[in-house]
Each structure stands twice: as structure tokens, then as C-alpha cells.
Amino acid sequence: MTRRGGLTRAGRGALGLRASARVLFAYGAEHWFTEGLIRFSIENQLSGPDVYANAFVFMSLAMVLTRTAVLVAKRRRLRQAAVDAAGTEQPAAA
């Protein structure tokens, strides 16, 4: 991730990783670990195709929230470092 002009942009690698992980899960669910996924669904009383679609939506939401939290923490650390270096408190940016 790089920061330019007030925006944080993920590189092509991050996009490729996310897309690849989803495709591999879908492929694996049909070819590699079908039996285990069915057993897991039965044991946890999960039924219907929407269950895993909803899981992907919540996973995406969790990724966005986690990324935002990390960026906020880094921003606070950088501001605190700037304050410590200057020895005075700087005004907060809007």
C-alpha cells in the first residue's frame, strides 16, 4: 500500500491475492475439500447457498474495517512522532 495525495492505494499484488484466494476457495470447495465443507455445514447446521455468499460479504467487510483501523493507528503514530520531534503540538488536519 502506498499513500499519495491523501489516498491510500493497494497495489496489484493485494488485489491479486484477494481475487486468487476467493477463486481458490470456490475451486477447492468443489474439488479439493468438498466432503469436509459438507461435514462442517451439517455439523454447524448451515444450509443454503446464501450462507457462504454472506460469509464472503462479512469477510470483505472485516477486511475493510481492519485496513481502516491499521491506517488510523499508523496515522496517529506518525502524528505523535511529529509532535515529539517538533516539541510542540501541531494543529489537527481536517
PDB file of N, CA and C in Angstrom:
ATOM      1  N   MET A   1       0.832  -1.172   0.000  1.00  0.00           N
ATOM      2  CA  MET A   1       0.000   0.000   0.000  1.00  0.00           C
ATOM      3  C   MET A   1       0.879   1.238   0.000  1.00  0.00           C
ATOM      4  N   THR A   2       0.517   2.172  -0.825  1.00  0.00           N
ATOM      5  CA  THR A   2       1.236   3.433  -0.848  1.00  0.00           C
ATOM      6  C   THR A   2       0.264   4.562  -0.584  1.00  0.00           C
ATOM      7  N   ARG A   3       0.810   5.651  -0.101  1.00  0.00           N
ATOM      8  CA  ARG A   3      -0.036   6.800   0.221  1.00  0.00           C
ATOM      9  C   ARG A   3       0.361   7.944  -0.693  1.00  0.00           C
ATOM     10  N   ARG A   4      -0.597   8.434  -1.472  1.00  0.00           N
ATOM     11  CA  ARG A   4      -0.357   9.553  -2.373  1.00  0.00           C
ATOM     12  C   ARG A   4      -1.544  10.497  -2.341  1.00  0.00           C
ATOM     13  N   GLY A   5      -1.275  11.755  -2.122  1.00  0.00           N
ATOM     14  CA  GLY A   5      -2.324  12.762  -2.232  1.00  0.00           C
ATOM     15  C   GLY A   5      -3.527  12.516  -1.340  1.00  0.00           C
ATOM     16  N   GLY A   6      -3.327  12.026  -0.142  1.00  0.00           N
ATOM     17  CA  GLY A   6      -4.448  11.806   0.770  1.00  0.00           C
ATOM     18  C   GLY A   6      -5.167  10.490   0.562  1.00  0.00           C
ATOM     19  N   LEU A   7      -4.732   9.712  -0.409  1.00  0.00           N
ATOM     20  CA  LEU A   7      -5.366   8.421  -0.672  1.00  0.00           C
ATOM     21  C   LEU A   7      -4.382   7.298  -0.381  1.00  0.00           C
ATOM     22  N   THR A   8      -4.904   6.194   0.056  1.00  0.00           N
ATOM     23  CA  THR A   8      -4.082   5.006   0.230  1.00  0.00           C
ATOM     24  C   THR A   8      -4.512   4.018  -0.835  1.00  0.00           C
ATOM     25  N   ARG A   9      -3.547   3.524  -1.572  1.00  0.00           N
ATOM     26  CA  ARG A   9      -3.870   2.616  -2.667  1.00  0.00           C
ATOM     27  C   ARG A   9      -3.154   1.291  -2.461  1.00  0.00           C
ATOM     28  N   ALA A  10      -3.913   0.237  -2.629  1.00  0.00           N
ATOM     29  CA  ALA A  10      -3.315  -1.094  -2.557  1.00  0.00           C
ATOM     30  C   ALA A  10      -2.759  -1.423  -3.932  1.00  0.00           C
ATOM     31  N   GLY A  11      -1.679  -2.115  -3.957  1.00  0.00           N
ATOM     32  CA  GLY A  11      -1.060  -2.471  -5.226  1.00  0.00           C
ATOM     33  C   GLY A  11      -1.770  -3.623  -5.906  1.00  0.00           C
ATOM     34  N   ARG A  12      -1.271  -3.941  -7.072  1.00  0.00           N
ATOM     35  CA  ARG A  12      -1.853  -5.044  -7.839  1.00  0.00           C
ATOM     36  C   ARG A  12      -1.683  -6.369  -7.114  1.00  0.00           C
ATOM     37  N   GLY A  13      -0.626  -6.480  -6.333  1.00  0.00           N
ATOM     38  CA  GLY A  13      -0.402  -7.714  -5.574  1.00  0.00           C
ATOM     39  C   GLY A  13      -1.509  -7.982  -4.578  1.00  0.00           C
ATOM     40  N   ALA A  14      -1.957  -6.925  -3.874  1.00  0.00           N
ATOM     41  CA  ALA A  14      -3.038  -7.087  -2.898  1.00  0.00           C
ATOM     42  C   ALA A  14      -4.337  -7.491  -3.586  1.00  0.00           C
ATOM     43  N   LEU A  15      -4.613  -6.866  -4.713  1.00  0.00           N
ATOM     44  CA  LEU A  15      -5.820  -7.215  -5.467  1.00  0.00           C
ATOM     45  C   LEU A  15      -5.735  -8.656  -5.967  1.00  0.00           C
ATOM     46  N   GLY A  16      -4.573  -9.023  -6.496  1.00  0.00           N
ATOM     47  CA  GLY A  16      -4.394 -10.384  -6.987  1.00  0.00           C
ATOM     48  C   GLY A  16      -4.522 -11.421  -5.891  1.00  0.00           C
ATOM     49  N   LEU A  17      -3.991 -11.103  -4.720  1.00  0.00           N
ATOM     50  CA  LEU A  17      -4.072 -12.023  -3.592  1.00  0.00           C
ATOM     51  C   LEU A  17      -5.521 -12.258  -3.176  1.00  0.00           C
ATOM     52  N   ARG A  18      -6.290 -11.166  -3.057  1.00  0.00           N
ATOM     53  CA  ARG A  18      -7.695 -11.313  -2.660  1.00  0.00           C
ATOM     54  C   ARG A  18      -8.489 -12.096  -3.693  1.00  0.00           C
ATOM     55  N   ALA A  19      -8.322 -11.750  -4.965  1.00  0.00           N
ATOM     56  CA  ALA A  19      -9.068 -12.436  -6.022  1.00  0.00           C
ATOM     57  C   ALA A  19      -8.668 -13.910  -6.088  1.00  0.00           C
ATOM     58  N   SER A  20      -7.368 -14.172  -5.983  1.00  0.00           N
ATOM     59  CA  SER A  20      -6.888 -15.550  -6.036  1.00  0.00           C
ATOM     60  C   SER A  20      -7.424 -16.379  -4.878  1.00  0.00           C
ATOM     61  N   ALA A  21      -7.458 -15.794  -3.692  1.00  0.00           N
ATOM     62  CA  ALA A  21      -7.956 -16.519  -2.520  1.00  0.00           C
ATOM     63  C   ALA A  21      -9.418 -16.908  -2.705  1.00  0.00           C
ATOM     64  N   ARG A  22     -10.210 -16.018  -3.252  1.00  0.00           N
ATOM     65  CA  ARG A  22     -11.636 -16.326  -3.465  1.00  0.00           C
ATOM     66  C   ARG A  22     -11.822 -17.410  -4.513  1.00  0.00           C
ATOM     67  N   VAL A  23     -11.082 -17.292  -5.595  1.00  0.00           N
ATOM     68  CA  VAL A  23     -11.189 -18.295  -6.664  1.00  0.00           C
ATOM     69  C   VAL A  23     -10.712 -19.657  -6.165  1.00  0.00           C
ATOM     70  N   LEU A  24      -9.605 -19.681  -5.425  1.00  0.00           N
ATOM     71  CA  LEU A  24      -9.106 -20.948  -4.886  1.00  0.00           C
ATOM     72  C   LEU A  24     -10.088 -21.573  -3.909  1.00  0.00           C
ATOM     73  N   PHE A  25     -10.745 -20.750  -3.085  1.00  0.00           N
ATOM     74  CA  PHE A  25     -11.738 -21.301  -2.170  1.00  0.00           C
ATOM     75  C   PHE A  25     -12.889 -21.913  -2.954  1.00  0.00           C
ATOM     76  N   ALA A  26     -13.393 -21.193  -3.965  1.00  0.00           N
ATOM     77  CA  ALA A  26     -14.504 -21.715  -4.766  1.00  0.00           C
ATOM     78  C   ALA A  26     -14.107 -23.008  -5.469  1.00  0.00           C
ATOM     79  N   TYR A  27     -12.905 -23.036  -6.045  1.00  0.00           N
ATOM     80  CA  TYR A  27     -12.435 -24.252  -6.709  1.00  0.00           C
ATOM     81  C   TYR A  27     -12.248 -25.383  -5.701  1.00  0.00           C
ATOM     82  N   GLY A  28     -11.629 -25.061  -4.574  1.00  0.00           N
ATOM     83  CA  GLY A  28     -11.396 -26.073  -3.545  1.00  0.00           C
ATOM     84  C   GLY A  28     -12.681 -26.634  -2.980  1.00  0.00           C
ATOM     85  N   ALA A  29     -13.700 -25.778  -2.854  1.00  0.00           N
ATOM     86  CA  ALA A  29     -14.985 -26.231  -2.326  1.00  0.00           C
ATOM     87  C   ALA A  29     -15.627 -27.274  -3.237  1.00  0.00           C
ATOM     88  N   GLU A  30     -15.330 -27.193  -4.531  1.00  0.00           N
ATOM     89  CA  GLU A  30     -15.916 -28.148  -5.473  1.00  0.00           C
ATOM     90  C   GLU A  30     -15.016 -29.350  -5.756  1.00  0.00           C
ATOM     91  N   HIS A  31     -13.701 -29.203  -5.559  1.00  0.00           N
ATOM     92  CA  HIS A  31     -12.792 -30.268  -5.990  1.00  0.00           C
ATOM     93  C   HIS A  31     -11.903 -30.845  -4.895  1.00  0.00           C
ATOM     94  N   TRP A  32     -11.430 -30.027  -3.968  1.00  0.00           N
ATOM     95  CA  TRP A  32     -10.434 -30.496  -3.001  1.00  0.00           C
ATOM     96  C   TRP A  32     -11.023 -30.861  -1.644  1.00  0.00           C
ATOM     97  N   PHE A  33     -11.856 -30.015  -1.094  1.00  0.00           N
ATOM     98  CA  PHE A  33     -12.350 -30.254   0.269  1.00  0.00           C
ATOM     99  C   PHE A  33     -13.870 -30.215   0.350  1.00  0.00           C
ATOM    100  N   THR A  34     -14.512 -30.778  -0.680  1.00  0.00           N
ATOM    101  CA  THR A  34     -15.978 -30.813  -0.726  1.00  0.00           C
ATOM    102  C   THR A  34     -16.554 -31.567   0.472  1.00  0.00           C
ATOM    103  N   GLU A  35     -16.016 -32.742   0.730  1.00  0.00           N
ATOM    104  CA  GLU A  35     -16.539 -33.576   1.824  1.00  0.00           C
ATOM    105  C   GLU A  35     -16.392 -32.869   3.176  1.00  0.00           C
ATOM    106  N   GLY A  36     -15.246 -32.267   3.411  1.00  0.00           N
ATOM    107  CA  GLY A  36     -15.025 -31.551   4.668  1.00  0.00           C
ATOM    108  C   GLY A  36     -15.949 -30.355   4.816  1.00  0.00           C
ATOM    109  N   LEU A  37     -16.191 -29.644   3.725  1.00  0.00           N
ATOM    110  CA  LEU A  37     -17.086 -28.489   3.752  1.00  0.00           C
ATOM    111  C   LEU A  37     -18.528 -28.931   4.014  1.00  0.00           C
ATOM    112  N   ILE A  38     -18.926 -30.030   3.410  1.00  0.00           N
ATOM    113  CA  ILE A  38     -20.274 -30.555   3.647  1.00  0.00           C
ATOM    114  C   ILE A  38     -20.417 -30.998   5.097  1.00  0.00           C
ATOM    115  N   ARG A  39     -19.418 -31.694   5.610  1.00  0.00           N
ATOM    116  CA  ARG A  39     -19.452 -32.141   7.009  1.00  0.00           C
ATOM    117  C   ARG A  39     -19.524 -30.933   7.955  1.00  0.00           C
ATOM    118  N   PHE A  40     -18.702 -29.916   7.691  1.00  0.00           N
ATOM    119  CA  PHE A  40     -18.710 -28.705   8.515  1.00  0.00           C
ATOM    120  C   PHE A  40     -20.085 -28.041   8.481  1.00  0.00           C
ATOM    121  N   SER A  41     -20.688 -27.953   7.293  1.00  0.00           N
ATOM    122  CA  SER A  41     -22.005 -27.323   7.147  1.00  0.00           C
ATOM    123  C   SER A  41     -23.078 -28.091   7.914  1.00  0.00           C
ATOM    124  N   ILE A  42     -23.032 -29.415   7.844  1.00  0.00           N
ATOM    125  CA  ILE A  42     -24.019 -30.234   8.549  1.00  0.00           C
ATOM    126  C   ILE A  42     -23.836 -30.121  10.061  1.00  0.00           C
ATOM    127  N   GLU A  43     -22.587 -30.228  10.522  1.00  0.00           N
ATOM    128  CA  GLU A  43     -22.326 -30.162  11.966  1.00  0.00           C
ATOM    129  C   GLU A  43     -22.703 -28.817  12.568  1.00  0.00           C
ATOM    130  N   ASN A  44     -22.604 -27.749  11.776  1.00  0.00           N
ATOM    131  CA  ASN A  44     -22.923 -26.411  12.280  1.00  0.00           C
ATOM    132  C   ASN A  44     -24.278 -25.904  11.801  1.00  0.00           C
ATOM    133  N   GLN A  45     -25.070 -26.824  11.232  1.00  0.00           N
ATOM    134  CA  GLN A  45     -26.430 -26.541  10.781  1.00  0.00           C
ATOM    135  C   GLN A  45     -26.489 -25.345   9.835  1.00  0.00           C
ATOM    136  N   LEU A  46     -25.587 -25.337   8.861  1.00  0.00           N
ATOM    137  CA  LEU A  46     -25.570 -24.309   7.824  1.00  0.00           C
ATOM    138  C   LEU A  46     -26.196 -24.902   6.577  1.00  0.00           C
ATOM    139  N   SER A  47     -27.166 -24.204   5.993  1.00  0.00           N
ATOM    140  CA  SER A  47     -27.781 -24.729   4.787  1.00  0.00           C
ATOM    141  C   SER A  47     -28.078 -23.590   3.819  1.00  0.00           C
ATOM    142  N   GLY A  48     -28.095 -23.925   2.566  1.00  0.00           N
ATOM    143  CA  GLY A  48     -28.410 -22.956   1.523  1.00  0.00           C
ATOM    144  C   GLY A  48     -27.164 -22.291   0.959  1.00  0.00           C
ATOM    145  N   PRO A  49     -27.266 -21.890  -0.305  1.00  0.00           N
ATOM    146  CA  PRO A  49     -26.110 -21.269  -0.965  1.00  0.00           C
ATOM    147  C   PRO A  49     -25.791 -19.874  -0.427  1.00  0.00           C
ATOM    148  N   ASP A  50     -26.756 -19.224   0.185  1.00  0.00           N
ATOM    149  CA  ASP A  50     -26.544 -17.865   0.681  1.00  0.00           C
ATOM    150  C   ASP A  50     -25.631 -17.817   1.901  1.00  0.00           C
ATOM    151  N   VAL A  51     -25.475 -18.928   2.580  1.00  0.00           N
ATOM    152  CA  VAL A  51     -24.641 -18.961   3.783  1.00  0.00           C
ATOM    153  C   VAL A  51     -23.211 -18.557   3.455  1.00  0.00           C
ATOM    154  N   TYR A  52     -22.629 -19.161   2.456  1.00  0.00           N
ATOM    155  CA  TYR A  52     -21.241 -18.861   2.126  1.00  0.00           C
ATOM    156  C   TYR A  52     -21.112 -17.544   1.371  1.00  0.00           C
ATOM    157  N   ALA A  53     -22.143 -17.161   0.613  1.00  0.00           N
ATOM    158  CA  ALA A  53     -22.129 -15.842  -0.029  1.00  0.00           C
ATOM    159  C   ALA A  53     -22.102 -14.753   1.047  1.00  0.00           C
ATOM    160  N   ASN A  54     -22.922 -14.925   2.077  1.00  0.00           N
ATOM    161  CA  ASN A  54     -22.928 -13.962   3.182  1.00  0.00           C
ATOM    162  C   ASN A  54     -21.598 -13.961   3.926  1.00  0.00           C
ATOM    163  N   ALA A  55     -20.982 -15.121   4.050  1.00  0.00           N
ATOM    164  CA  ALA A  55     -19.679 -15.198   4.715  1.00  0.00           C
ATOM    165  C   ALA A  55     -18.640 -14.388   3.947  1.00  0.00           C
ATOM    166  N   PHE A  56     -18.679 -14.443   2.621  1.00  0.00           N
ATOM    167  CA  PHE A  56     -17.748 -13.654   1.815  1.00  0.00           C
ATOM    168  C   PHE A  56     -18.005 -12.153   1.981  1.00  0.00           C
ATOM    169  N   VAL A  57     -19.272 -11.769   2.083  1.00  0.00           N
ATOM    170  CA  VAL A  57     -19.592 -10.354   2.297  1.00  0.00           C
ATOM    171  C   VAL A  57     -19.041  -9.893   3.636  1.00  0.00           C
ATOM    172  N   PHE A  58     -19.256 -10.668   4.687  1.00  0.00           N
ATOM    173  CA  PHE A  58     -18.745 -10.296   6.006  1.00  0.00           C
ATOM    174  C   PHE A  58     -17.218 -10.320   6.050  1.00  0.00           C
ATOM    175  N   MET A  59     -16.605 -11.251   5.319  1.00  0.00           N
ATOM    176  CA  MET A  59     -15.148 -11.294   5.249  1.00  0.00           C
ATOM    177  C   MET A  59     -14.621 -10.020   4.590  1.00  0.00           C
ATOM    178  N   SER A  60     -15.267  -9.582   3.519  1.00  0.00           N
ATOM    179  CA  SER A  60     -14.852  -8.350   2.846  1.00  0.00           C
ATOM    180  C   SER A  60     -15.019  -7.145   3.761  1.00  0.00           C
ATOM    181  N   LEU A  61     -16.115  -7.103   4.490  1.00  0.00           N
ATOM    182  CA  LEU A  61     -16.346  -6.014   5.434  1.00  0.00           C
ATOM    183  C   LEU A  61     -15.276  -6.017   6.528  1.00  0.00           C
ATOM    184  N   ALA A  62     -14.942  -7.184   7.025  1.00  0.00           N
ATOM    185  CA  ALA A  62     -13.908  -7.287   8.058  1.00  0.00           C
ATOM    186  C   ALA A  62     -12.554  -6.825   7.518  1.00  0.00           C
ATOM    187  N   MET A  63     -12.259  -7.137   6.269  1.00  0.00           N
ATOM    188  CA  MET A  63     -11.001  -6.697   5.667  1.00  0.00           C
ATOM    189  C   MET A  63     -10.945  -5.178   5.582  1.00  0.00           C
ATOM    190  N   VAL A  64     -12.036  -4.555   5.164  1.00  0.00           N
ATOM    191  CA  VAL A  64     -12.078  -3.089   5.053  1.00  0.00           C
ATOM    192  C   VAL A  64     -11.937  -2.451   6.429  1.00  0.00           C
ATOM    193  N   LEU A  65     -12.652  -2.963   7.414  1.00  0.00           N
ATOM    194  CA  LEU A  65     -12.582  -2.399   8.761  1.00  0.00           C
ATOM    195  C   LEU A  65     -11.190  -2.575   9.375  1.00  0.00           C
ATOM    196  N   THR A  66     -10.578  -3.726   9.146  1.00  0.00           N
ATOM    197  CA  THR A  66      -9.236  -3.970   9.666  1.00  0.00           C
ATOM    198  C   THR A  66      -8.230  -3.040   9.008  1.00  0.00           C
ATOM    199  N   ARG A  67      -8.334  -2.894   7.712  1.00  0.00           N
ATOM    200  CA  ARG A  67      -7.425  -1.996   6.986  1.00  0.00           C
ATOM    201  C   ARG A  67      -7.584  -0.568   7.478  1.00  0.00           C
ATOM    202  N   THR A  68      -8.823  -0.133   7.682  1.00  0.00           N
ATOM    203  CA  THR A  68      -9.072   1.217   8.181  1.00  0.00           C
ATOM    204  C   THR A  68      -8.486   1.405   9.571  1.00  0.00           C
ATOM    205  N   ALA A  69      -8.662   0.426  10.437  1.00  0.00           N
ATOM    206  CA  ALA A  69      -8.121   0.522  11.796  1.00  0.00           C
ATOM    207  C   ALA A  69      -6.598   0.602  11.777  1.00  0.00           C
ATOM    208  N   VAL A  70      -5.958  -0.174  10.916  1.00  0.00           N
ATOM    209  CA  VAL A  70      -4.496  -0.139  10.810  1.00  0.00           C
ATOM    210  C   VAL A  70      -4.034   1.224  10.313  1.00  0.00           C
ATOM    211  N   LEU A  71      -4.718   1.768   9.317  1.00  0.00           N
ATOM    212  CA  LEU A  71      -4.337   3.083   8.794  1.00  0.00           C
ATOM    213  C   LEU A  71      -4.525   4.185   9.830  1.00  0.00           C
ATOM    214  N   VAL A  72      -5.597   4.117  10.607  1.00  0.00           N
ATOM    215  CA  VAL A  72      -5.819   5.108  11.663  1.00  0.00           C
ATOM    216  C   VAL A  72      -4.718   5.012  12.718  1.00  0.00           C
ATOM    217  N   ALA A  73      -4.361   3.800  13.092  1.00  0.00           N
ATOM    218  CA  ALA A  73      -3.297   3.622  14.087  1.00  0.00           C
ATOM    219  C   ALA A  73      -1.958   4.155  13.570  1.00  0.00           C
ATOM    220  N   LYS A  74      -1.642   3.895  12.304  1.00  0.00           N
ATOM    221  CA  LYS A  74      -0.402   4.407  11.723  1.00  0.00           C
ATOM    222  C   LYS A  74      -0.412   5.927  11.664  1.00  0.00           C
ATOM    223  N   ARG A  75      -1.544   6.493  11.308  1.00  0.00           N
ATOM    224  CA  ARG A  75      -1.670   7.956  11.239  1.00  0.00           C
ATOM    225  C   ARG A  75      -1.433   8.577  12.609  1.00  0.00           C
ATOM    226  N   ARG A  76      -2.022   7.993  13.637  1.00  0.00           N
ATOM    227  CA  ARG A  76      -1.832   8.512  14.996  1.00  0.00           C
ATOM    228  C   ARG A  76      -0.366   8.421  15.418  1.00  0.00           C
ATOM    229  N   ARG A  77       0.280   7.300  15.084  1.00  0.00           N
ATOM    230  CA  ARG A  77       1.691   7.131  15.415  1.00  0.00           C
ATOM    231  C   ARG A  77       2.563   8.166  14.719  1.00  0.00           C
ATOM    232  N   LEU A  78       2.281   8.408  13.443  1.00  0.00           N
ATOM    233  CA  LEU A  78       3.050   9.399  12.695  1.00  0.00           C
ATOM    234  C   LEU A  78       2.843  10.802  13.245  1.00  0.00           C
ATOM    235  N   ARG A  79       1.614  11.134  13.587  1.00  0.00           N
ATOM    236  CA  ARG A  79       1.340  12.459  14.164  1.00  0.00           C
ATOM    237  C   ARG A  79       2.041  12.624  15.503  1.00  0.00           C
ATOM    238  N   GLN A  80       2.005  11.562  16.310  1.00  0.00           N
ATOM    239  CA  GLN A  80       2.659  11.641  17.616  1.00  0.00           C
ATOM    240  C   GLN A  80       4.166  11.789  17.448  1.00  0.00           C
ATOM    241  N   ALA A  81       4.728  11.104  16.480  1.00  0.00           N
ATOM    242  CA  ALA A  81       6.163  11.223  16.212  1.00  0.00           C
ATOM    243  C   ALA A  81       6.506  12.638  15.764  1.00  0.00           C
ATOM    244  N   ALA A  82       5.637  13.248  14.955  1.00  0.00           N
ATOM    245  CA  ALA A  82       5.866  14.618  14.500  1.00  0.00           C
ATOM    246  C   ALA A  82       5.788  15.586  15.672  1.00  0.00           C
ATOM    247  N   VAL A  83       4.846  15.367  16.579  1.00  0.00           N
ATOM    248  CA  VAL A  83       4.704  16.215  17.767  1.00  0.00           C
ATOM    249  C   VAL A  83       5.928  16.070  18.649  1.00  0.00           C
ATOM    250  N   ASP A  84       6.374  14.853  18.858  1.00  0.00           N
ATOM    251  CA  ASP A  84       7.557  14.618  19.679  1.00  0.00           C
ATOM    252  C   ASP A  84       8.804  15.243  19.079  1.00  0.00           C
ATOM    253  N   ALA A  85       8.926  15.168  17.751  1.00  0.00           N
ATOM    254  CA  ALA A  85      10.091  15.723  17.076  1.00  0.00           C
ATOM    255  C   ALA A  85      10.101  17.250  17.121  1.00  0.00           C
ATOM    256  N   ALA A  86       8.916  17.840  16.994  1.00  0.00           N
ATOM    257  CA  ALA A  86       8.825  19.303  16.986  1.00  0.00           C
ATOM    258  C   ALA A  86       8.854  19.864  18.394  1.00  0.00           C
ATOM    259  N   GLY A  87       8.463  19.079  19.353  1.00  0.00           N
ATOM    260  CA  GLY A  87       8.428  19.539  20.734  1.00  0.00           C
ATOM    261  C   GLY A  87       7.207  20.377  21.059  1.00  0.00           C
ATOM    262  N   THR A  88       6.377  20.645  20.075  1.00  0.00           N
ATOM    263  CA  THR A  88       5.123  21.377  20.272  1.00  0.00           C
ATOM    264  C   THR A  88       4.014  20.633  19.581  1.00  0.00           C
ATOM    265  N   GLU A  89       2.828  20.900  20.010  1.00  0.00           N
ATOM    266  CA  GLU A  89       1.669  20.229  19.424  1.00  0.00           C
ATOM    267  C   GLU A  89       1.285  20.921  18.140  1.00  0.00           C
ATOM    268  N   GLN A  90       1.010  20.121  17.098  1.00  0.00           N
ATOM    269  CA  GLN A  90       0.623  20.681  15.809  1.00  0.00           C
ATOM    270  C   GLN A  90      -0.881  20.615  15.681  1.00  0.00           C
ATOM    271  N   PRO A  91      -1.495  21.554  14.937  1.00  0.00           N
ATOM    272  CA  PRO A  91      -2.957  21.525  14.769  1.00  0.00           C
ATOM    273  C   PRO A  91      -3.391  20.300  13.981  1.00  0.00           C
ATOM    274  N   ALA A  92      -4.551  19.795  14.316  1.00  0.00           N
ATOM    275  CA  ALA A  92      -5.075  18.605  13.634  1.00  0.00           C
ATOM    276  C   ALA A  92      -5.587  19.006  12.268  1.00  0.00           C
ATOM    277  N   ALA A  93      -5.331  18.152  11.275  1.00  0.00           N
ATOM    278  CA  ALA A  93      -5.813  18.397   9.919  1.00  0.00           C
ATOM    279  C   ALA A  93      -7.269  17.945   9.833  1.00  0.00           C
ATOM    280  N   ALA A  94      -8.021  18.653   9.018  1.00  0.00           N
ATOM    281  CA  ALA A  94      -9.448  18.339   8.872  1.00  0.00           C
ATOM    282  C   ALA A  94      -9.659  17.168   7.966  1.00  0.00           C
TER     283      ALA A  94
END
